[in-house]
Amino acid sequence: MQDSVRKILLAVGEDPDRQGLKDTPKRVEKSLKFLTSGYSVDVDALIGEALFDETYDEMVLVKDIEFYSLCEHHLLPFFGKCHIGYIPNGKIVGLSKLPRLVEAFTRRLQVQERLTTQLADIICKHVKPRGVGVVMEARHLCMCMRGVQKESDYAITSSMVGTFKSDQRTRMEFLNFISHRKSV
């Protein structure tokens, strides 16, 4: 990978041997390995170890989960907040597992749309809730720094499954919860 980074530096007209760039190939390799470390996470095992039988049947919501990812089209960052809600159906998942799932999927080359559905799908697969809602809000540097060059643009994606899709009241309760700012 370091040889490839060196070639990229040469291709853009830089001298990879100058002082400021001498260790750049090594730093880029380390950075990319960290930013794509989600490929080595077994998400099935991650969530599988934290399922608990519980009769709770109201909405569970973890909101404002910060995330950072890399756009697979340009290898530029996109970042923002993720909100995950579900209605249990006899099982709950440890609350900390939801941000861990976000981390596992965002540490891969991604598009926001797929990322949103991957999170809903993995929760459905393991927790088997009555419904799941995932909303992601993100700023994409590929839109800010190149292309349309609009710094204030952001994208919102959602995946609504089960009662979050079929029951308007559940959907609106979820959307209302995530629109309120923190008071804790």
Protein backbone atom coordinates (compact mmCIF):
# COMPACT_ATOMS: atom_id res chain seq x y z
CA MET A 1 0.00 0.00 0.00
CA GLN A 2 2.83 2.38 0.81
CA ASP A 3 4.25 1.95 -2.71
CA SER A 4 0.84 2.81 -4.15
CA VAL A 5 0.58 5.97 -2.03
CA ARG A 6 4.05 6.96 -3.15
CA LYS A 7 2.95 6.53 -6.79
CA ILE A 8 -0.14 8.67 -6.14
CA LEU A 9 2.05 11.43 -4.70
CA LEU A 10 4.25 11.31 -7.79
CA ALA A 11 1.18 11.30 -10.06
CA VAL A 12 -0.18 14.52 -8.51
CA GLY A 13 3.18 16.21 -9.02
CA GLU A 14 4.65 15.92 -5.53
CA ASP A 15 8.05 14.79 -4.35
CA PRO A 16 7.41 11.88 -1.94
CA ASP A 17 10.96 12.26 -0.60
CA ARG A 18 10.56 15.82 0.65
CA GLN A 19 10.49 16.29 4.42
CA GLY A 20 6.73 16.78 4.85
CA LEU A 21 5.83 13.77 2.69
CA LYS A 22 8.59 11.33 3.57
CA ASP A 23 6.44 9.36 6.06
CA THR A 24 3.10 10.05 4.34
CA PRO A 25 2.81 6.61 2.68
CA LYS A 26 3.24 4.94 6.09
CA ARG A 27 0.72 7.31 7.73
CA VAL A 28 -1.83 6.83 4.94
CA GLU A 29 -1.54 3.04 5.21
CA LYS A 30 -2.08 3.15 8.97
CA SER A 31 -4.99 5.56 8.57
CA LEU A 32 -6.73 3.52 5.86
CA LYS A 33 -6.36 0.31 7.84
CA PHE A 34 -8.06 1.99 10.80
CA LEU A 35 -10.77 3.66 8.68
CA THR A 36 -11.64 0.30 7.08
CA SER A 37 -11.26 -1.86 10.20
CA GLY A 38 -14.97 -2.69 10.10
CA TYR A 39 -14.29 -5.41 7.56
CA SER A 40 -12.65 -7.47 10.29
CA VAL A 41 -15.60 -7.15 12.71
CA ASP A 42 -17.99 -10.11 12.91
CA VAL A 43 -21.23 -8.16 13.35
CA ASP A 44 -23.23 -11.35 13.94
CA ALA A 45 -21.00 -12.23 16.90
CA LEU A 46 -21.02 -8.64 18.12
CA ILE A 47 -24.77 -8.46 18.52
CA GLY A 48 -25.28 -12.13 19.30
CA GLU A 49 -23.50 -11.95 22.62
CA ALA A 50 -25.77 -9.23 24.02
CA LEU A 51 -29.34 -10.47 23.50
CA PHE A 52 -31.57 -10.71 26.55
CA ASP A 53 -35.09 -12.05 27.10
CA GLU A 54 -37.30 -9.18 28.22
CA THR A 55 -41.01 -8.41 28.19
CA TYR A 56 -40.48 -4.69 27.56
CA ASP A 57 -42.62 -3.71 24.56
CA GLU A 58 -42.18 0.04 24.10
CA MET A 59 -39.75 1.83 21.84
CA VAL A 60 -36.03 1.65 22.60
CA LEU A 61 -34.05 4.48 21.03
CA VAL A 62 -30.38 5.35 20.90
CA LYS A 63 -29.92 8.66 19.10
CA ASP A 64 -27.16 11.02 18.08
CA ILE A 65 -24.63 8.22 17.56
CA GLU A 66 -21.71 10.03 15.94
CA PHE A 67 -20.08 8.30 13.01
CA TYR A 68 -17.38 8.76 10.39
CA SER A 69 -17.10 6.78 7.18
CA LEU A 70 -15.48 6.87 3.76
CA CYS A 71 -17.50 7.32 0.59
CA GLU A 72 -16.74 4.37 -1.67
CA HIS A 73 -17.01 6.56 -4.78
CA HIS A 74 -14.30 9.11 -3.91
CA LEU A 75 -12.64 7.78 -0.73
CA LEU A 76 -13.57 11.03 0.98
CA PRO A 77 -15.13 11.18 4.45
CA PHE A 78 -18.77 11.53 5.29
CA PHE A 79 -19.86 11.97 8.88
CA GLY A 80 -22.85 12.73 11.01
CA LYS A 81 -25.34 11.22 13.43
CA CYS A 82 -27.26 7.99 13.43
CA HIS A 83 -30.52 7.33 15.28
CA ILE A 84 -31.72 3.76 15.90
CA GLY A 85 -35.05 2.76 17.41
CA TYR A 86 -36.76 -0.59 17.76
CA ILE A 87 -39.77 -2.12 19.45
CA PRO A 88 -38.82 -5.36 21.21
CA ASN A 89 -40.69 -8.59 20.69
CA GLY A 90 -39.46 -10.63 23.67
CA LYS A 91 -35.77 -9.73 23.30
CA ILE A 92 -33.66 -6.62 23.82
CA VAL A 93 -30.08 -5.96 22.80
CA GLY A 94 -27.50 -4.31 25.06
CA LEU A 95 -27.69 -0.59 24.36
CA SER A 96 -23.94 -0.24 23.77
CA LYS A 97 -24.16 -2.75 20.92
CA LEU A 98 -26.07 -0.28 18.74
CA PRO A 99 -23.21 2.27 18.56
CA ARG A 100 -20.79 -0.65 18.13
CA LEU A 101 -22.79 -1.84 15.12
CA VAL A 102 -22.71 1.68 13.68
CA GLU A 103 -18.93 1.72 14.15
CA ALA A 104 -18.48 -1.70 12.52
CA PHE A 105 -20.46 -0.76 9.40
CA THR A 106 -19.11 2.80 9.08
CA ARG A 107 -15.51 1.57 9.19
CA ARG A 108 -15.95 0.21 5.67
CA LEU A 109 -16.13 1.87 2.29
CA GLN A 110 -19.78 2.88 2.15
CA VAL A 111 -22.68 4.70 0.65
CA GLN A 112 -25.06 6.19 3.19
CA GLU A 113 -28.11 4.48 1.71
CA ARG A 114 -26.67 0.95 2.06
CA LEU A 115 -25.26 1.74 5.49
CA THR A 116 -28.72 2.72 6.73
CA THR A 117 -30.33 -0.52 5.57
CA GLN A 118 -27.44 -2.68 6.81
CA LEU A 119 -28.06 -1.42 10.33
CA ALA A 120 -31.79 -2.07 10.17
CA ASP A 121 -31.25 -5.51 8.64
CA ILE A 122 -28.76 -6.73 11.28
CA ILE A 123 -31.07 -5.64 14.11
CA CYS A 124 -34.03 -7.38 12.46
CA LYS A 125 -31.98 -10.53 11.90
CA HIS A 126 -30.86 -10.92 15.52
CA VAL A 127 -33.32 -9.10 17.75
CA LYS A 128 -36.43 -9.94 15.68
CA PRO A 129 -38.28 -6.86 16.94
CA ARG A 130 -41.77 -5.74 15.99
CA GLY A 131 -40.14 -2.89 14.12
CA VAL A 132 -36.91 -0.98 13.52
CA GLY A 133 -36.21 2.58 12.45
CA VAL A 134 -32.81 3.92 11.41
CA VAL A 135 -32.22 7.52 10.35
CA MET A 136 -28.81 8.82 9.34
CA GLU A 137 -27.88 12.47 8.82
CA ALA A 138 -24.50 13.14 7.20
CA ARG A 139 -22.29 15.71 5.56
CA HIS A 140 -20.34 14.35 2.61
CA LEU A 141 -16.99 15.94 1.84
CA CYS A 142 -17.29 14.68 -1.74
CA MET A 143 -20.16 17.19 -2.07
CA CYS A 144 -18.44 19.95 -0.08
CA MET A 145 -14.92 19.81 -1.47
CA ARG A 146 -15.61 18.80 -5.09
CA GLY A 147 -18.63 18.32 -7.31
CA VAL A 148 -21.35 20.78 -6.27
CA GLN A 149 -19.12 22.36 -3.59
CA LYS A 150 -21.97 23.17 -1.23
CA GLU A 151 -20.71 23.25 2.34
CA SER A 152 -24.06 23.31 4.12
CA ASP A 153 -25.64 20.36 2.28
CA TYR A 154 -26.31 17.19 4.18
CA ALA A 155 -28.07 13.95 3.37
CA ILE A 156 -30.74 12.16 5.39
CA THR A 157 -31.54 8.50 4.81
CA SER A 158 -33.97 6.23 6.59
CA SER A 159 -34.87 2.58 6.82
CA MET A 160 -38.22 1.77 8.40
CA VAL A 161 -39.14 -1.87 8.99
CA GLY A 162 -42.17 -3.58 10.54
CA THR A 163 -44.32 -1.30 12.70
CA PHE A 164 -42.09 1.66 11.88
CA LYS A 165 -43.18 1.28 8.27
CA SER A 166 -46.77 0.06 8.67
CA ASP A 167 -47.95 2.11 11.69
CA GLN A 168 -47.93 5.87 11.13
CA ARG A 169 -48.14 6.59 14.89
CA THR A 170 -45.03 4.52 15.62
CA ARG A 171 -43.17 6.17 12.77
CA MET A 172 -44.16 9.65 13.96
CA GLU A 173 -43.23 8.85 17.58
CA PHE A 174 -39.76 7.77 16.42
CA LEU A 175 -39.29 10.85 14.22
CA ASN A 176 -40.52 13.10 17.02
CA PHE A 177 -38.09 11.53 19.50
CA ILE A 178 -35.09 12.00 17.21
CA SER A 179 -36.00 15.62 16.45
CA HIS A 180 -35.70 16.63 20.11
CA ARG A 181 -32.28 17.72 21.25
CA LYS A 182 -30.57 16.23 24.27
CA SER A 183 -31.79 17.28 27.68
CA VAL A 184 -29.60 14.97 29.77
